[in-house]
Amino acid sequence: MVTLWQKVVRPEFFFRPMQLLRYIGRRYLHGHNGFETVRLPWGMDLRLEPDEAVGNIVWRWGLHELFVCEAIWRLLDAGEHALDIGANIGQMTSIMARRAGSAGKVSAFEANPHVYAKLLANIDLWGSVPDLAPIATYQVGASNRHGTGLLEFPTGFTAVASLSLDLEQLIPQEVTFSKTIESHEVPLVRLCDMFDDEADIALVKLDVEGHEAAVLEGAARLLDRGRIRDIILEEHRPFPSSATDYLAARGYTLFSLGKTFWGPWCSAVDMKRAPAWCEVPNYLATLAPARAVARLKGRGWSVLNGRP
């Protein structure tokens, strides 16, 4: 059982004290409406639903997946191109747009039509924010082929969806939802066909609930030519997985990502044994391992104060 002390002694509150007051107010003093707008640490607003999985975390802690946010913040430079594949309502997209700046570019992919509409609404909120990278959005499924795929998710739990039929492995056990399955046909695209003629991609965040290997296969030409520097991916499948093997075979060094109270950590992965995870299983695959280690080794949480 998580105690109140464990809930409040968090880096999200220690390094951003006003968020603790917001948490107390939101948790204990007043409720919420169906939609709420919160100010993210890097100065951009996010419209969310506090009763939805990702929205609830941002509503309470101020952001979702602190160490992934910090990794993007530290690894992405001004003027670079970043891809957010599985963008959800746009929190990670907003970090990329802030860090890449007006000389950069962000491409956001979200196949779920319900969530895609929320992503567009949030991008509209950022129209007056200065010095953001332009954001291109795609309501498609990145995969290893062109054509049409079937996106399926339980009705009432649209934040998690998959191009796979194995839904029971994708939904957290503590979450209850209707067993009615909602499905939508979505166009499928290959990343190598979309970006083969463009400049190199600095960073990709990949979170597609079990479809990661297919996305990487669809980026084969880009990966084989070394045209994607850093890839942050969430991978729940047993290690080593087809996705991690695919990246290692193409010269990528893999790190496991996690956090301590005082900052992020990254640890080189031994491909013969599973790493010890912190929170959710996230990897960094990079063609510039020395750069990544140097960027991620410093203490503190820059993303919580919105400064380089």
Protein backbone atom coordinates (compact mmCIF):
# COMPACT_ATOMS: atom_id res chain seq x y z
CA MET A 1 0.00 0.00 0.00
CA VAL A 2 1.36 3.40 -0.99
CA THR A 3 1.45 5.84 1.93
CA LEU A 4 0.78 9.57 1.77
CA TRP A 5 4.50 10.12 2.49
CA GLN A 6 5.46 8.04 -0.55
CA LYS A 7 3.01 10.00 -2.67
CA VAL A 8 4.42 13.41 -1.80
CA VAL A 9 8.18 12.69 -1.49
CA ARG A 10 8.81 12.76 -5.20
CA PRO A 11 11.23 14.69 -7.43
CA GLU A 12 8.21 16.12 -9.26
CA PHE A 13 7.39 18.00 -6.02
CA PHE A 14 10.86 18.54 -4.51
CA PHE A 15 12.24 20.21 -7.65
CA ARG A 16 8.95 21.97 -8.44
CA PRO A 17 7.40 22.82 -5.04
CA MET A 18 4.31 24.55 -6.42
CA GLN A 19 3.24 21.23 -7.93
CA LEU A 20 2.85 19.79 -4.43
CA LEU A 21 0.40 22.55 -3.57
CA ARG A 22 -1.44 21.89 -6.82
CA TYR A 23 -1.56 18.18 -6.01
CA ILE A 24 -3.01 18.79 -2.55
CA GLY A 25 -5.59 21.18 -3.96
CA ARG A 26 -6.59 18.88 -6.79
CA ARG A 27 -6.55 15.71 -4.69
CA TYR A 28 -8.14 16.86 -1.46
CA LEU A 29 -9.72 20.32 -1.77
CA HIS A 30 -11.70 20.23 -4.98
CA GLY A 31 -12.61 17.88 -7.75
CA HIS A 32 -12.38 18.35 -11.48
CA ASN A 33 -14.52 18.65 -14.55
CA GLY A 34 -14.42 16.33 -17.54
CA PHE A 35 -11.57 18.31 -19.10
CA GLU A 36 -8.93 20.44 -17.39
CA THR A 37 -6.02 22.52 -18.69
CA VAL A 38 -2.70 22.36 -16.84
CA ARG A 39 0.53 24.29 -17.30
CA LEU A 40 3.46 21.94 -18.00
CA PRO A 41 6.86 22.68 -16.41
CA TRP A 42 8.27 23.98 -19.72
CA GLY A 43 5.55 26.62 -19.99
CA MET A 44 3.04 25.02 -22.34
CA ASP A 45 -0.60 24.18 -21.60
CA LEU A 46 -2.05 20.69 -21.93
CA ARG A 47 -5.77 19.96 -22.06
CA LEU A 48 -6.48 16.59 -20.47
CA GLU A 49 -9.05 14.36 -18.81
CA PRO A 50 -8.15 13.65 -15.15
CA ASP A 51 -10.16 10.41 -15.28
CA GLU A 52 -8.07 9.05 -18.17
CA ALA A 53 -4.81 7.16 -17.52
CA VAL A 54 -2.21 9.59 -18.88
CA GLY A 55 -4.29 12.64 -18.02
CA ASN A 56 -4.62 11.53 -14.39
CA ILE A 57 -0.84 11.25 -13.97
CA VAL A 58 -0.22 14.71 -15.45
CA TRP A 59 -3.06 16.12 -13.36
CA ARG A 60 -1.46 14.79 -10.15
CA TRP A 61 2.31 14.92 -10.71
CA GLY A 62 2.57 17.67 -13.31
CA LEU A 63 3.90 15.45 -16.11
CA HIS A 64 3.95 11.83 -17.27
CA GLU A 65 7.12 9.64 -17.21
CA LEU A 66 9.58 12.10 -15.75
CA PHE A 67 12.75 10.29 -16.82
CA VAL A 68 11.59 9.94 -20.44
CA CYS A 69 10.77 13.65 -20.49
CA GLU A 70 14.21 14.43 -19.08
CA ALA A 71 15.95 12.21 -21.63
CA ILE A 72 14.19 13.99 -24.51
CA TRP A 73 15.00 17.37 -22.94
CA ARG A 74 18.71 16.56 -22.67
CA LEU A 75 19.22 14.69 -25.94
CA LEU A 76 17.36 16.94 -28.40
CA ASP A 77 19.03 20.13 -29.62
CA ALA A 78 17.73 23.26 -31.32
CA GLY A 79 17.22 22.91 -35.06
CA GLU A 80 16.80 19.12 -35.00
CA HIS A 81 13.98 16.87 -36.23
CA ALA A 82 12.17 14.62 -33.73
CA LEU A 83 9.44 12.00 -34.17
CA ASP A 84 6.80 11.26 -31.52
CA ILE A 85 5.32 7.89 -32.52
CA GLY A 86 2.40 7.15 -30.25
CA ALA A 87 1.97 10.81 -29.37
CA ASN A 88 -1.21 10.37 -27.29
CA ILE A 89 -2.48 13.82 -26.21
CA GLY A 90 0.85 15.49 -26.96
CA GLN A 91 2.90 15.89 -23.79
CA MET A 92 6.11 14.50 -25.35
CA THR A 93 5.35 16.33 -28.59
CA SER A 94 5.33 19.59 -26.65
CA ILE A 95 8.77 18.89 -25.14
CA MET A 96 10.16 18.18 -28.60
CA ALA A 97 8.68 21.36 -30.03
CA ARG A 98 10.11 23.42 -27.18
CA ARG A 99 13.60 21.91 -27.43
CA ALA A 100 13.89 21.82 -31.23
CA GLY A 101 12.82 25.46 -31.51
CA SER A 102 11.61 27.33 -34.55
CA ALA A 103 14.50 26.04 -36.68
CA GLY A 104 13.62 22.43 -35.89
CA LYS A 105 10.74 20.12 -36.75
CA VAL A 106 8.47 17.66 -34.94
CA SER A 107 6.42 14.88 -36.54
CA ALA A 108 3.69 13.43 -34.29
CA PHE A 109 1.93 10.13 -35.02
CA GLU A 110 -1.30 9.06 -33.31
CA ALA A 111 -3.51 6.44 -34.94
CA ASN A 112 -6.37 6.44 -32.43
CA PRO A 113 -9.01 8.83 -33.85
CA HIS A 114 -10.35 9.82 -30.42
CA VAL A 115 -6.89 10.61 -29.06
CA TYR A 116 -5.78 12.27 -32.30
CA ALA A 117 -8.55 14.86 -31.92
CA LYS A 118 -7.23 15.68 -28.42
CA LEU A 119 -3.69 15.95 -29.78
CA LEU A 120 -4.84 18.49 -32.38
CA ALA A 121 -6.71 20.46 -29.71
CA ASN A 122 -3.54 20.70 -27.63
CA ILE A 123 -1.42 21.76 -30.60
CA ASP A 124 -3.95 24.54 -31.18
CA LEU A 125 -3.33 25.72 -27.60
CA TRP A 126 0.34 26.27 -28.41
CA GLY A 127 -0.24 28.57 -31.35
CA SER A 128 0.84 31.68 -29.45
CA VAL A 129 3.89 30.10 -27.75
CA PRO A 130 7.05 31.65 -29.24
CA ASP A 131 9.98 29.79 -30.75
CA LEU A 132 8.37 26.37 -31.08
CA ALA A 133 9.21 23.88 -33.80
CA PRO A 134 6.48 23.43 -36.41
CA ILE A 135 4.53 20.23 -35.73
CA ALA A 136 3.33 17.92 -38.49
CA THR A 137 0.65 15.44 -37.37
CA TYR A 138 -0.29 12.07 -38.86
CA GLN A 139 -3.38 10.02 -38.02
CA VAL A 140 -1.77 6.81 -39.26
CA GLY A 141 -0.16 3.70 -37.87
CA ALA A 142 3.59 3.46 -38.39
CA SER A 143 4.34 -0.13 -39.35
CA ASN A 144 6.39 -2.38 -41.66
CA ARG A 145 4.05 -2.16 -44.63
CA HIS A 146 1.64 0.10 -46.45
CA GLY A 147 -2.03 -0.69 -46.41
CA THR A 148 -4.71 -0.75 -43.73
CA GLY A 149 -4.55 -2.02 -40.18
CA LEU A 150 -7.18 -2.66 -37.53
CA LEU A 151 -6.72 -0.59 -34.39
CA GLU A 152 -8.50 -2.13 -31.41
CA PHE A 153 -9.11 -0.97 -27.86
CA PRO A 154 -11.64 -1.50 -25.07
CA THR A 155 -14.49 1.00 -25.19
CA GLY A 156 -13.93 3.68 -22.57
CA PHE A 157 -10.18 3.13 -22.39
CA THR A 158 -8.98 4.77 -25.58
CA ALA A 159 -5.57 5.83 -24.25
CA VAL A 160 -4.24 2.32 -24.91
CA ALA A 161 -4.78 0.84 -28.34
CA SER A 162 -2.99 -1.70 -30.44
CA LEU A 163 -2.62 -3.05 -33.93
CA SER A 164 -2.30 -6.42 -32.19
CA LEU A 165 -5.12 -8.64 -30.96
CA ASP A 166 -3.33 -9.44 -27.71
CA LEU A 167 -5.13 -6.80 -25.67
CA GLU A 168 -4.91 -8.52 -22.30
CA GLN A 169 -1.14 -7.99 -22.23
CA LEU A 170 -1.50 -4.31 -23.02
CA ILE A 171 -4.01 -3.20 -20.37
CA PRO A 172 -2.78 -2.75 -16.77
CA GLN A 173 -4.42 -5.33 -14.53
CA GLU A 174 -5.65 -2.75 -12.02
CA VAL A 175 -7.64 -0.91 -14.69
CA THR A 176 -11.26 -1.86 -15.17
CA PHE A 177 -13.05 -1.22 -18.42
CA SER A 178 -15.84 -2.38 -20.63
CA LYS A 179 -15.09 -5.65 -22.42
CA THR A 180 -16.68 -4.21 -25.54
CA ILE A 181 -13.96 -3.84 -28.15
CA GLU A 182 -13.98 -0.78 -30.38
CA SER A 183 -12.06 -1.04 -33.63
CA HIS A 184 -11.06 1.37 -36.38
CA GLU A 185 -9.34 0.85 -39.68
CA VAL A 186 -6.25 3.04 -39.96
CA PRO A 187 -3.81 3.59 -42.82
CA LEU A 188 -0.36 2.08 -42.31
CA VAL A 189 2.86 3.79 -43.38
CA ARG A 190 6.57 2.99 -43.34
CA LEU A 191 8.88 5.61 -41.89
CA CYS A 192 11.57 5.00 -44.49
CA ASP A 193 9.10 5.95 -47.24
CA MET A 194 7.98 9.09 -45.42
CA PHE A 195 11.40 10.48 -44.48
CA ASP A 196 13.86 8.92 -46.93
CA ASP A 197 14.33 12.19 -48.81
CA GLU A 198 14.48 14.44 -45.74
CA ALA A 199 17.28 15.42 -43.41
CA ASP A 200 18.44 13.06 -40.69
CA ILE A 201 16.24 12.47 -37.65
CA ALA A 202 17.83 13.29 -34.30
CA LEU A 203 15.42 11.55 -31.94
CA VAL A 204 12.46 9.17 -32.06
CA LYS A 205 10.19 8.43 -29.11
CA LEU A 206 8.42 5.13 -29.75
CA ASP A 207 5.49 3.95 -27.61
CA VAL A 208 3.02 1.89 -29.64
CA GLU A 209 1.89 -0.84 -27.24
CA GLY A 210 3.55 -3.90 -28.73
CA HIS A 211 4.01 -2.79 -32.34
CA GLU A 212 7.55 -1.45 -31.84
CA ALA A 213 9.35 -4.11 -33.91
CA ALA A 214 7.10 -3.50 -36.91
CA VAL A 215 7.70 0.26 -36.71
CA LEU A 216 11.47 -0.31 -36.70
CA GLU A 217 11.25 -2.72 -39.64
CA GLY A 218 9.42 0.01 -41.53
CA ALA A 219 12.37 2.33 -40.86
CA ALA A 220 14.95 -0.17 -42.12
CA ARG A 221 16.62 2.08 -44.69
CA LEU A 222 16.91 4.94 -42.22
CA LEU A 223 18.39 2.68 -39.55
CA ASP A 224 20.77 0.90 -41.91
CA ARG A 225 22.13 4.24 -43.13
CA GLY A 226 22.55 5.63 -39.63
CA ARG A 227 20.04 8.41 -40.22
CA ILE A 228 18.32 8.20 -36.81
CA ARG A 229 20.65 9.06 -33.91
CA ASP A 230 18.59 8.35 -30.77
CA ILE A 231 15.54 6.14 -30.21
CA ILE A 232 13.67 6.03 -26.90
CA LEU A 233 11.28 3.09 -26.81
CA GLU A 234 9.00 1.52 -24.25
CA GLU A 235 9.11 -2.26 -24.54
CA HIS A 236 7.05 -4.54 -22.30
CA ARG A 237 7.99 -7.75 -24.08
CA PRO A 238 10.55 -10.07 -22.44
CA PHE A 239 14.15 -9.00 -22.93
CA PRO A 240 15.83 -9.32 -25.36
CA SER A 241 12.91 -8.63 -27.67
CA SER A 242 12.68 -8.56 -31.44
CA ALA A 243 12.81 -4.74 -31.27
CA THR A 244 15.98 -4.57 -29.17
CA ASP A 245 17.65 -7.29 -31.26
CA TYR A 246 16.74 -5.42 -34.45
CA LEU A 247 18.41 -2.24 -33.18
CA ALA A 248 21.50 -3.98 -31.81
CA ALA A 249 22.04 -5.71 -35.15
CA ARG A 250 22.16 -2.29 -36.81
CA GLY A 251 24.89 -0.90 -34.63
CA TYR A 252 22.85 0.78 -31.90
CA THR A 253 24.11 0.77 -28.32
CA LEU A 254 21.30 0.09 -25.89
CA PHE A 255 20.85 1.66 -22.48
CA SER A 256 18.11 1.10 -19.93
CA LEU A 257 16.56 4.31 -18.66
CA GLY A 258 15.24 5.04 -15.21
CA LYS A 259 15.41 7.52 -12.37
CA THR A 260 16.72 8.17 -8.91
CA PHE A 261 15.33 10.90 -6.73
CA TRP A 262 18.16 13.22 -7.81
CA GLY A 263 18.11 12.66 -11.53
CA PRO A 264 17.90 10.20 -14.43
CA TRP A 265 20.16 7.22 -14.90
CA CYS A 266 21.13 5.20 -17.93
CA SER A 267 22.91 1.90 -17.81
CA ALA A 268 24.42 0.02 -20.76
CA VAL A 269 22.42 -3.11 -21.51
CA ASP A 270 24.04 -6.53 -21.60
CA MET A 271 22.18 -8.13 -24.50
CA LYS A 272 22.48 -11.56 -22.86
CA ARG A 273 20.48 -10.74 -19.76
CA ALA A 274 17.58 -8.57 -18.75
CA PRO A 275 18.38 -5.23 -17.09
CA ALA A 276 16.98 -4.21 -13.73
CA TRP A 277 14.12 -1.87 -14.57
CA CYS A 278 13.06 1.29 -12.83
CA GLU A 279 9.29 1.86 -13.19
CA VAL A 280 8.34 1.07 -16.78
CA PRO A 281 10.74 -0.67 -19.22
CA ASN A 282 12.29 2.03 -21.39
CA TYR A 283 15.42 1.81 -23.53
CA LEU A 284 17.59 4.34 -25.23
CA ALA A 285 19.11 3.02 -28.47
CA THR A 286 21.75 5.38 -29.83
CA LEU A 287 24.46 5.69 -32.45
CA ALA A 288 26.23 8.25 -30.24
CA PRO A 289 26.68 6.47 -26.91
CA ALA A 290 29.40 8.77 -25.54
CA ARG A 291 27.22 11.80 -26.26
CA ALA A 292 24.20 10.15 -24.61
CA VAL A 293 26.12 9.23 -21.46
CA ALA A 294 27.54 12.73 -21.18
CA ARG A 295 24.11 14.31 -21.62
CA LEU A 296 22.33 12.05 -19.13
CA LYS A 297 24.89 11.75 -16.33
CA GLY A 298 24.25 15.11 -14.64
CA ARG A 299 22.09 15.31 -11.52
CA GLY A 300 18.88 17.27 -11.33
CA TRP A 301 15.76 17.53 -13.45
CA SER A 302 16.13 20.27 -16.06
CA VAL A 303 12.74 19.50 -17.55
CA LEU A 304 11.02 20.44 -14.27
CA ASN A 305 12.23 24.02 -14.45
CA GLY A 306 12.02 24.31 -18.22
CA ARG A 307 15.61 25.50 -18.60
CA PRO A 308 18.47 24.00 -20.66
